[in-house]
Amino acid sequence: MAMEKTFNAAEAEDRLYKAWDEAGCFKAGANAKPGASSFSIMIPPPNVTGVLHMGHAFNNTLQDILIRWKRMQGYDTLWQPGTDHAGIATQMVVERELAKEGKKRTDFSREEFLSKIWAWKEQSGGTIVEQLKRLGASCDFDRTAFTMSGANGDTRTGHENSPNFHDAVIKVFVDMYNKGLIYRGKRLVNWDPHFETAISDLEVENIEVAGHMWHFKYPLAGGATYTYVEKDEDGNVTLTEERDYISIATTRPETMLGDGAVAVHPSDERYAPIVGMLCEIPVGPKAQRRLIPIITDEYPDKDFGSGAVKITGAHDFNDYQVAKRGGIPMYNLMDTKANMRADGAPYVDEAATAQAIANGEQEFTEASIAAMNLVPEEYRGLDRFEARKRVVADITAEGLAVMQTITKTVKDEDGNETEVTETTPYVENKPIMQPFGDRSKVVIEPMLTDQWFVETDKIVGPALDAVRKKDANGKAKVTILPESGEKVYYHWLENIEPWCISRQLWWGHQIPVWFDADGNQYCAATEAEAYQQMADKFAKFEGEATNQAVEVRKALILGLPVKAENLPDAYRLTRDPDVLDTWFSSGLWPIGTLGWPENTEELQKYFPTSTLVTGQDILFFWVARMMMMQLAVVDDIPFDTVYLHGLVRDAKGKKMSKSTGNVVDPLEIIDEYGADALRFTNAAMASLGGVLKLDMKRIEGYRNFVTKIWQASSYGDSQIDAFSATRGAEPPKATLPLNRWIIGEIAKLREEVDGAFEAYRFNDAANALYSFFWNSFCARYLEFTKPIFFADDQAAKDETQAVYAWAVDQALILMHPIMPFVTEEIWNVTQGRGYADGDSAQMLVHANWPTYTAADLVDADAEREMNWVIAVIDNIRSARAQLNVPAGAKVPMLVTEIDAAGQSYWDRNGELIKRFARIESLEHADTLPKGCISIGAPGASFALPLAEIIDVAAEKARQEKNLGKLTKELGGLRGRLKNPKFADSAPAEVVAETRANLVLREEEEAKIKEALARLSEIG
């Protein structure tokens, strides 16, 4: 089958992928050799609502490279695909669709709404899976998993091989609950007022916004005063004044209503006289203003602001820790929409109770504090930001804002300037980092709520040991790459907080806990089991005969099952409406996708999995949690290697975002340049721990590389009757140094590629393949075969045809994991083998990966000879280019000395050298005439007489002019980099770009100086 002139990626990619799929090339175990070890990768499950973005494209390219490589090596491979049910994201999508019809979620029952989500999932939830196929992802898509499969009574998991993930999730929750590893408690969480749910840190975007810091006075109780003294660094007194207040600063005045204390650092001498005293919160009805204690804690920074901070434990994460340490009540001021609470008793009653608690006159419980509403009536029901304005205005009107004196210049009607002194409230206008919901885009509120938590400190130890403990060979059970990721991993796990796993949503795995009328908890996999637990509880009941116990006993006496329909409404169990955080279910991804808790064949074969490729931003959100969960549930690690990569950024290193307008759609890249060009770009920029900068020019360059591979194969197809079908077998016998040399270069390339893949240095593998094929193969070997193919030596021609075909085959095999489409197409069309008959054994995707070594195939004599020939050609070409010798001019060359080896190399390759270096002849000379430049070569001294060929004076002037311009440019670049202000203030990408530019200009300078030195040789 003759090759077309160009590779039509748009036409070929879909056809090739369908051929692979229909032939079962990607199924678990495909191409596995007898007795082969397993190699498995779990895809980081994208959101079911997602579409392919550059992060996905990069991440999945690296996974696919590893899987294709291992599959060709004969491993029993599984690349497990699937999607995450994405609680908030999916619920938001469906609610948005309902809004188009003028409806909202609460217009439906929970079951009706969930049915609509399942319908949406069936219709639109597989988009990203289909997009991954366009990238060439060779997952076993027949095994596509879904983290909600089997939930809500739904059996539409998507694929017959998809496990019942829901049952696995519920079993783990119940087991961990029974072991005391999961509990319900009140803690501070990130609260999204739009979705009215707790969210994880990963779903919070901290954005710098223009903010304000208000300074207020908290009057001391009873009109007490103290001497406030400030000192400088040397201990000299700079300010002394009598104060009857303590000053605090806040960016959220509306939370002052929930203050429990004011804290100062223990070493802050300014406030030592008033520690232990009470101060008054300066807002709310005067008669009911609460008094709160002034305490010491290590948290306040005495050098920041006034050094005193208000402690509002229910609305600030740092304050929460202080409040817990100090036993300070934490009053929740807001409802689920972040409006000021409007429920509860009148403020006068609530304030009195709170004051009694602060005075130590009344005991309090967590529940009693949670029920209290300390929002005065004038603020109740207000939006939190409107309440902020009201609070600031009220405090300022009462004269309790800290004031500052400023002097400014004003002009009268005649233009005369006068200095005017004004006293104004002290408000700092300053940028602040504000948390926003990544999907809702509203300001996140730290809020004290009842949630379900995993007691992580009880399961964290094995996850730490799996990475930290090394065996006698210095090998840990789990390796994190790059190594810097280990420090992040340790830091998070060593300082771990309880993990909030509940969300106030409808879409997700509903918490398997039921409550009776007395608040007792029954954790069970099903409602029936929960009722049985209740029956067992009250069957043994010997205490006070509560109504509930009586009703349950009635059912037992009558022989009725204890379930909802056999009990009065008041005594039926109520299921917790919350659902599990998606990170909880995805934390079970490795075992859940393999069929656990059933001891499936896949679980035995592929678990623990091999390599996890994922973003460094979810190291603790997902990776660490998978480690903890698998070790806690099945007492084994989930994977042995974690490869972490950063975010894909634009060419200048900036984060991609819609607001910036620099988002790149990978599907558009594939449409324009082909999947292979995008994949090769991804591999080439995947340096371990490096910054991922996506440059469209680079993609275009690798599209040209795809074309180069096609052209080199097309050239071979035109010169060779039939390509070799040996595929990875021993190379043909070769006598010509050129053929022996390229065989050795292939062997060295195989070792380099394997070594790079083993070390997860995908960029090194890509660079090695690019350099070999573009330079060694195309620029050297291909060109050097032309004289042979067009000569009359049939034996040499036959040998070169066989070696060329073998070399192309080997190059295609080695490049296939990175560029599967163009390599598979060439593999098929150059000999009519492959997918035409659906035989996967004939396809490149299942070709045997070579195992030959450089020690086996490198011919040292041939390597020395060809390296000598290449060096002579390169040195001549370089000299000609430097001195602007006309490209078409054939130049005579002189040789003054040459050793025996060099002479033999010339005798065999002289015509080749003359052809590619544009040399007219070679003559021996005892001495060199004037006007020559020297050409170096091992064991030989050559020279080119150029005085009559180029205008030396004009060329010298041109080069000196270029050097002058370059010298000025270099001076500017070096000056910028030596300037400390530039290094400190310029963006990191600008500094890096300047350094890179300097290196390039210095290389250019060296070449010009070398050219001038050569011109000086001429005269």
Foldseek 3Di string as FASTA:
>chain_A
DADDQFDDQVPQLVVVLVLCVVLVCLAQQHLADVPAAEFEEEALAAALQDADFPQSLLLLLLVLLLQLVVSLQRHRYAYAAEHEPPFVVLQVVLQVVVVVVVDGPVVDDLLVSVVSSVVCCVVRRCNRVVVVVQLVRSHNCLLYEYLCQCPPNDNPGPHPNYFRLLLVLQVLLLVCVVVVQKDKDWAWAWADLVQLKGDDPVQKDWDKDWFKKFKFWFFFPPQDKDWFWDADPVRHTDDIDIDRTQMEIDRQLLLLLQFQEKEAAPPPPRCVVQQQTWTWSLDDDPVLTATHGYHYDNPFDVVPDPRMYTQQLFWDPVSVVVCVVVVTQHAFQADSNQAGADDDDALSVLSVVSNCVRVVNDDDDNVRRHRGHNDHPVRHRHRSVVSRVVRVVVSVVVVGADKDKDWDWDADPVRDIDIDIDIDGDMDTDIDTFIARNPVRHTITTGTDIFMWGNLVVQLVQLLQQDPPADPVRAGQAAEFPNVLNVVLCVDSVPDDTGGWWIQGSPANFQQWWAWLVGDIFHDSDQLNSQVVVLVVLVPDDDDCDPLSVQSVVCVVVVHRRADVSGPPNGHIDGHNIHTHSLSSLLCVLVSSQHPPPPDPSCVRQPLHEEYEEESVCCPSHVSSNQSSCCVPVNDGNYHYYQYDHAAPEQLLHRDDVVVPPTDRVVVLCVVQNSLLSLLLSLQQPAGVDRHYDYVVSSVVVSVVLRLLSVLLSVLLVLAVAFDQPFQDDADDDDDLLLLALQLLLQALLVQLVVCSVVVNSSSNSVSLSCCCVPVNVVPSSVLCVVVSPDDPVVSSVNSSRSSSVSSSSSLLSCCSRRVRSSQVSLCVRHVWASPVSPNCRTSSNGNNHDDHSVPRRDVLSNVLVVQLVLQLVQLQLLCVLQVQPPQAAFAKEWQWADPSRVVSCVVCVVVSCVRSSHDYYYYDNDDDAQWFWGDTVRIIMITRCVVRDPLVVSLVVLVVVLVVLVVVLVVLVVLLVDVCNVPPPDPSVSVVSVVVNVVSVVVNVSSVVNNVRSVRND
